[in-house]
Amino acid sequence: MNGQVYFLTNGGNETYEDVRMNPLEEAKNLAILGGLDGVVSEVKGIFRNP
């Protein structure tokens, strides 16, 4: 059985000391590099950075 795996992030919604955790673009890149199926985030972060 193959399940989908997504990267869960608050990037784009909260500000973290580790700047790699802030932009949704970094979450997307990590998901791609890890072979994950996508990114899950609150919609507010996506509207701020389409």
N, C-alpha and C. Protein backbone atom coordinates (compact mmCIF):
# COMPACT_ATOMS: atom_id res chain seq x y z
N MET A 1 0.84 -1.18 0.00
CA MET A 1 0.00 0.00 0.00
C MET A 1 0.88 1.24 0.00
N ASN A 2 0.66 2.12 -0.96
CA ASN A 2 1.44 3.35 -1.07
C ASN A 2 0.61 4.53 -0.58
N GLY A 3 1.11 5.21 0.45
CA GLY A 3 0.44 6.39 0.96
C GLY A 3 1.16 7.64 0.48
N GLN A 4 0.45 8.72 0.43
CA GLN A 4 1.06 9.98 0.05
C GLN A 4 1.68 10.61 1.28
N VAL A 5 2.82 11.27 1.07
CA VAL A 5 3.53 11.94 2.16
C VAL A 5 3.68 13.40 1.81
N TYR A 6 3.24 14.27 2.72
CA TYR A 6 3.31 15.71 2.52
C TYR A 6 4.17 16.36 3.59
N PHE A 7 4.76 17.49 3.26
CA PHE A 7 5.54 18.27 4.21
C PHE A 7 4.59 19.29 4.84
N LEU A 8 4.44 19.25 6.15
CA LEU A 8 3.56 20.15 6.88
C LEU A 8 4.36 21.35 7.37
N THR A 9 3.89 22.58 7.09
CA THR A 9 4.64 23.77 7.45
C THR A 9 3.73 24.89 7.93
N ASN A 10 4.28 25.75 8.78
CA ASN A 10 3.64 27.01 9.15
C ASN A 10 4.34 28.17 8.46
N GLY A 11 5.27 27.86 7.58
CA GLY A 11 5.98 28.90 6.82
C GLY A 11 5.00 29.79 6.09
N GLY A 12 5.29 31.07 6.07
CA GLY A 12 4.39 32.04 5.46
C GLY A 12 3.34 32.54 6.41
N ASN A 13 3.18 31.88 7.56
CA ASN A 13 2.19 32.29 8.56
C ASN A 13 2.84 32.74 9.86
N GLU A 14 3.99 32.18 10.18
CA GLU A 14 4.70 32.53 11.40
C GLU A 14 6.14 32.87 11.03
N THR A 15 6.82 33.59 11.90
CA THR A 15 8.22 33.93 11.67
C THR A 15 9.07 33.17 12.67
N TYR A 16 10.08 32.48 12.13
CA TYR A 16 10.96 31.66 12.94
C TYR A 16 12.37 32.23 12.93
N GLU A 17 13.12 31.95 13.98
CA GLU A 17 14.51 32.40 14.07
C GLU A 17 15.34 31.77 12.95
N ASP A 18 15.09 30.50 12.64
CA ASP A 18 15.78 29.83 11.54
C ASP A 18 15.10 30.27 10.24
N VAL A 19 15.75 31.14 9.49
CA VAL A 19 15.13 31.76 8.31
C VAL A 19 14.74 30.75 7.24
N ARG A 20 15.32 29.55 7.27
CA ARG A 20 14.95 28.53 6.29
C ARG A 20 13.53 28.06 6.50
N MET A 21 12.96 28.29 7.68
CA MET A 21 11.62 27.81 8.00
C MET A 21 10.52 28.81 7.62
N ASN A 22 10.89 30.00 7.21
CA ASN A 22 9.89 31.04 6.98
C ASN A 22 9.21 31.00 5.61
N PRO A 23 9.94 30.93 4.50
CA PRO A 23 9.25 31.01 3.21
C PRO A 23 8.66 29.67 2.77
N LEU A 24 7.51 29.74 2.12
CA LEU A 24 6.91 28.54 1.56
C LEU A 24 7.77 27.96 0.45
N GLU A 25 8.53 28.79 -0.22
CA GLU A 25 9.42 28.31 -1.28
C GLU A 25 10.42 27.28 -0.74
N GLU A 26 10.92 27.51 0.48
CA GLU A 26 11.84 26.54 1.09
C GLU A 26 11.13 25.22 1.40
N ALA A 27 9.90 25.30 1.84
CA ALA A 27 9.13 24.09 2.11
C ALA A 27 8.91 23.30 0.82
N LYS A 28 8.62 24.03 -0.26
CA LYS A 28 8.43 23.38 -1.56
C LYS A 28 9.72 22.70 -2.01
N ASN A 29 10.84 23.39 -1.88
CA ASN A 29 12.12 22.82 -2.29
C ASN A 29 12.46 21.58 -1.48
N LEU A 30 12.20 21.61 -0.19
CA LEU A 30 12.46 20.45 0.66
C LEU A 30 11.58 19.27 0.26
N ALA A 31 10.33 19.53 -0.06
CA ALA A 31 9.42 18.47 -0.49
C ALA A 31 9.91 17.84 -1.80
N ILE A 32 10.37 18.68 -2.71
CA ILE A 32 10.87 18.17 -3.99
C ILE A 32 12.13 17.33 -3.77
N LEU A 33 13.06 17.86 -2.99
CA LEU A 33 14.31 17.14 -2.73
C LEU A 33 14.07 15.81 -2.01
N GLY A 34 13.09 15.78 -1.13
CA GLY A 34 12.79 14.57 -0.38
C GLY A 34 11.88 13.60 -1.10
N GLY A 35 11.44 13.96 -2.31
CA GLY A 35 10.54 13.09 -3.06
C GLY A 35 9.16 12.99 -2.45
N LEU A 36 8.75 14.03 -1.71
CA LEU A 36 7.43 14.04 -1.09
C LEU A 36 6.37 14.42 -2.11
N ASP A 37 5.12 14.21 -1.76
CA ASP A 37 4.02 14.44 -2.69
C ASP A 37 3.51 15.88 -2.70
N GLY A 38 3.92 16.70 -1.74
CA GLY A 38 3.47 18.08 -1.72
C GLY A 38 3.69 18.73 -0.37
N VAL A 39 3.10 19.91 -0.22
CA VAL A 39 3.24 20.73 0.99
C VAL A 39 1.85 21.04 1.51
N VAL A 40 1.68 21.00 2.83
CA VAL A 40 0.43 21.38 3.47
C VAL A 40 0.71 22.62 4.30
N SER A 41 -0.09 23.67 4.08
CA SER A 41 0.08 24.93 4.80
C SER A 41 -1.28 25.60 4.93
N GLU A 42 -1.37 26.52 5.88
CA GLU A 42 -2.59 27.33 5.96
C GLU A 42 -2.70 28.19 4.70
N VAL A 43 -3.90 28.41 4.25
CA VAL A 43 -4.11 29.15 3.01
C VAL A 43 -3.63 30.61 3.13
N LYS A 44 -3.60 31.16 4.35
CA LYS A 44 -3.14 32.56 4.52
C LYS A 44 -1.74 32.73 3.97
N GLY A 45 -0.86 31.78 4.23
CA GLY A 45 0.52 31.87 3.75
C GLY A 45 0.61 31.83 2.23
N ILE A 46 -0.26 31.07 1.61
CA ILE A 46 -0.26 30.98 0.14
C ILE A 46 -0.76 32.28 -0.45
N PHE A 47 -1.79 32.89 0.13
CA PHE A 47 -2.30 34.16 -0.38
C PHE A 47 -1.28 35.27 -0.23
N ARG A 48 -0.45 35.20 0.81
CA ARG A 48 0.59 36.22 1.00
C ARG A 48 1.71 36.08 -0.01
N ASN A 49 1.92 34.86 -0.51
CA ASN A 49 3.03 34.60 -1.42
C ASN A 49 2.60 33.63 -2.51
N PRO A 50 1.78 34.11 -3.46
CA PRO A 50 1.27 33.21 -4.49
C PRO A 50 2.39 32.77 -5.38
